[in-house]
């Protein structure tokens, strides 16, 4: 599977979230053949829901498409390392593989802050982290600079570079 291509799609979703003033995280799920079956971005503000993370929304979408809450043999690709809430959903869905962009030192649940794979749970996920991490980090850093009022809105060439 071409994880860089799939991550580019996630980064496009992250930019959609950015434009909607949501934390810029995108996620998608592919089936065992590599077909995209679900794609999403953060919608916590729009849905007024703390659970509307891109990973959760992608998992819910894939479960509807497959008509099964078990996503065995599927891969989740997301632009940022999932949090503990999303890690729980990943384990419960029995996803085979997780691919993520940047690491989350404050809340990452697959190695940065904690590692749910180190717990004695009934399922382990293959994890591939750091795919196009610089692009994901740049989008997040710029989003939070703007939110804190320490940088002007991103436009022009910089924005085009971030969305590629």
Protein backbone atom coordinates (compact mmCIF):
# COMPACT_ATOMS: atom_id res chain seq x y z
CA UNK A 1 0.00 0.00 0.00
CA UNK A 2 1.20 3.50 -0.76
CA UNK A 3 1.04 5.07 2.70
CA UNK A 4 2.44 8.41 1.53
CA UNK A 5 -0.37 8.79 -1.01
CA UNK A 6 -2.98 7.87 1.61
CA UNK A 7 -1.39 10.31 4.07
CA UNK A 8 -1.63 13.08 1.47
CA UNK A 9 -5.38 12.41 1.35
CA UNK A 10 -5.52 12.62 5.15
CA UNK A 11 -3.64 15.91 5.05
CA UNK A 12 -6.22 17.19 2.57
CA UNK A 13 -8.90 16.28 5.12
CA UNK A 14 -6.84 18.01 7.82
CA UNK A 15 -6.91 21.18 5.72
CA UNK A 16 -10.71 20.86 5.44
CA UNK A 17 -10.82 20.76 9.24
CA UNK A 18 -8.45 23.75 9.35
CA UNK A 19 -10.81 25.71 7.08
CA UNK A 20 -13.72 24.83 9.38
CA UNK A 21 -11.74 25.99 12.44
CA UNK A 22 -11.49 22.42 13.71
CA UNK A 23 -8.21 20.93 14.94
CA UNK A 24 -6.68 19.86 11.61
CA UNK A 25 -6.67 16.08 11.71
CA UNK A 26 -7.78 13.84 8.87
CA UNK A 27 -8.31 10.09 8.76
CA UNK A 28 -9.31 7.38 6.34
CA UNK A 29 -9.80 3.62 6.34
CA UNK A 30 -8.87 1.24 3.57
CA UNK A 31 -10.02 -2.37 3.25
CA UNK A 32 -7.70 -5.34 2.69
CA UNK A 33 -7.51 -4.57 -1.05
CA UNK A 34 -6.49 -0.97 -0.35
CA UNK A 35 -9.85 0.57 -1.36
CA UNK A 36 -10.81 3.66 0.62
CA UNK A 37 -14.05 2.88 2.42
CA UNK A 38 -14.25 5.89 4.75
CA UNK A 39 -12.68 9.32 5.03
CA UNK A 40 -13.21 12.03 7.65
CA UNK A 41 -11.79 15.01 9.52
CA UNK A 42 -12.29 16.40 13.00
CA UNK A 43 -15.77 17.81 13.63
CA UNK A 44 -15.80 18.29 17.41
CA UNK A 45 -16.86 21.94 17.23
CA UNK A 46 -19.41 21.52 14.43
CA UNK A 47 -21.03 18.50 16.10
CA UNK A 48 -20.48 19.92 19.59
CA UNK A 49 -19.14 16.50 20.53
CA UNK A 50 -15.86 15.58 22.21
CA UNK A 51 -15.96 12.22 20.41
CA UNK A 52 -16.13 13.62 16.87
CA UNK A 53 -12.44 12.99 16.19
CA UNK A 54 -11.45 12.12 12.62
CA UNK A 55 -10.47 8.58 13.64
CA UNK A 56 -13.81 7.87 15.34
CA UNK A 57 -15.78 9.29 12.41
CA UNK A 58 -13.74 7.23 9.93
CA UNK A 59 -14.28 4.07 12.00
CA UNK A 60 -18.02 4.72 12.21
CA UNK A 61 -18.18 5.34 8.46
CA UNK A 62 -16.25 2.16 7.64
CA UNK A 63 -18.45 0.10 9.97
CA UNK A 64 -21.54 1.38 8.12
CA UNK A 65 -20.01 0.60 4.70
CA UNK A 66 -18.99 -2.92 5.73
CA UNK A 67 -22.13 -3.42 7.82
CA UNK A 68 -19.86 -4.76 10.55
CA UNK A 69 -18.43 -3.23 13.71
CA UNK A 70 -15.31 -5.36 13.26
CA UNK A 71 -12.91 -3.83 10.76
CA UNK A 72 -10.63 -6.86 10.57
CA UNK A 73 -7.94 -6.59 7.88
CA UNK A 74 -8.57 -2.83 7.52
CA UNK A 75 -6.01 -0.07 7.90
CA UNK A 76 -6.60 3.31 9.53
CA UNK A 77 -4.46 6.16 8.23
CA UNK A 78 -4.55 9.43 10.16
CA UNK A 79 -2.51 12.60 10.11
CA UNK A 80 -1.72 12.60 13.85
CA UNK A 81 -1.09 9.89 16.43
CA UNK A 82 -4.46 8.94 17.95
CA UNK A 83 -5.45 9.83 21.51
CA UNK A 84 -6.50 7.29 24.15
CA UNK A 85 -10.20 7.59 23.21
CA UNK A 86 -9.46 6.86 19.57
CA UNK A 87 -7.03 4.10 20.56
CA UNK A 88 -9.88 2.38 22.40
CA UNK A 89 -12.06 2.56 19.28
CA UNK A 90 -9.20 1.23 17.15
CA UNK A 91 -8.78 -1.76 19.46
CA UNK A 92 -12.55 -2.40 19.66
CA UNK A 93 -12.86 -2.24 15.86
CA UNK A 94 -10.02 -4.79 15.55
CA UNK A 95 -8.22 -2.71 12.95
CA UNK A 96 -5.19 -4.55 11.64
CA UNK A 97 -2.90 -1.59 10.99
CA UNK A 98 -2.59 2.02 12.09
CA UNK A 99 -0.55 4.46 10.03
CA UNK A 100 -0.12 8.00 11.33
CA UNK A 101 1.74 11.18 10.47
CA UNK A 102 3.10 13.19 13.37
CA UNK A 103 3.56 12.03 16.92
CA UNK A 104 1.55 13.60 19.75
CA UNK A 105 3.80 13.95 22.79
CA UNK A 106 0.97 15.35 24.93
CA UNK A 107 -1.77 12.78 24.23
CA UNK A 108 -0.53 10.13 21.80
CA UNK A 109 -1.66 6.63 22.69
CA UNK A 110 0.56 4.56 20.41
CA UNK A 111 3.99 5.30 21.81
CA UNK A 112 4.35 9.01 22.56
CA UNK A 113 2.52 9.50 25.87
CA UNK A 114 1.39 5.91 26.40
CA UNK A 115 1.36 2.80 24.27
CA UNK A 116 -1.91 0.87 24.32
CA UNK A 117 -0.17 -2.00 22.53
CA UNK A 118 1.88 -2.54 25.70
CA UNK A 119 -1.27 -3.28 27.71
CA UNK A 120 -2.53 -6.83 28.10
CA UNK A 121 -5.52 -6.35 25.79
CA UNK A 122 -7.27 -8.82 23.53
CA UNK A 123 -6.03 -7.12 20.35
CA UNK A 124 -2.79 -5.55 19.13
CA UNK A 125 -2.47 -3.16 16.22
CA UNK A 126 0.44 -2.99 13.81
CA UNK A 127 1.66 0.62 14.04
CA UNK A 128 3.56 2.67 11.48
CA UNK A 129 4.22 6.21 12.67
CA UNK A 130 5.94 9.21 11.16
CA UNK A 131 4.61 9.07 7.59
CA UNK A 132 4.90 12.63 6.20
CA UNK A 133 5.15 13.81 9.79
CA UNK A 134 6.68 17.19 8.91
CA UNK A 135 3.67 18.18 6.80
CA UNK A 136 1.25 17.13 9.52
CA UNK A 137 3.24 18.97 12.19
CA UNK A 138 3.34 22.12 10.08
CA UNK A 139 -0.43 22.17 9.60
CA UNK A 140 -1.05 21.67 13.33
CA UNK A 141 1.57 24.23 14.42
CA UNK A 142 0.15 26.87 12.09
CA UNK A 143 -3.39 26.16 13.21
CA UNK A 144 -2.50 26.67 16.88
CA UNK A 145 -0.42 29.79 16.14
CA UNK A 146 -3.48 31.31 14.49
CA UNK A 147 -5.76 30.18 17.35
CA UNK A 148 -3.43 31.83 19.86
CA UNK A 149 -3.25 35.00 17.77
CA UNK A 150 0.50 34.77 17.25
CA UNK A 151 0.41 34.53 13.44
CA UNK A 152 -1.66 35.89 10.59
CA UNK A 153 -4.06 33.69 8.65
CA UNK A 154 -2.31 31.39 6.17
CA UNK A 155 -2.88 32.40 2.54
CA UNK A 156 -1.13 32.23 -0.80
CA UNK A 157 1.99 30.11 -1.38
CA UNK A 158 2.33 29.01 2.25
CA UNK A 159 -1.24 27.68 2.30
CA UNK A 160 -0.69 25.91 -1.02
CA UNK A 161 2.44 24.27 0.37
CA UNK A 162 0.57 23.12 3.48
CA UNK A 163 -2.26 21.55 1.50
CA UNK A 164 0.02 19.47 -0.71
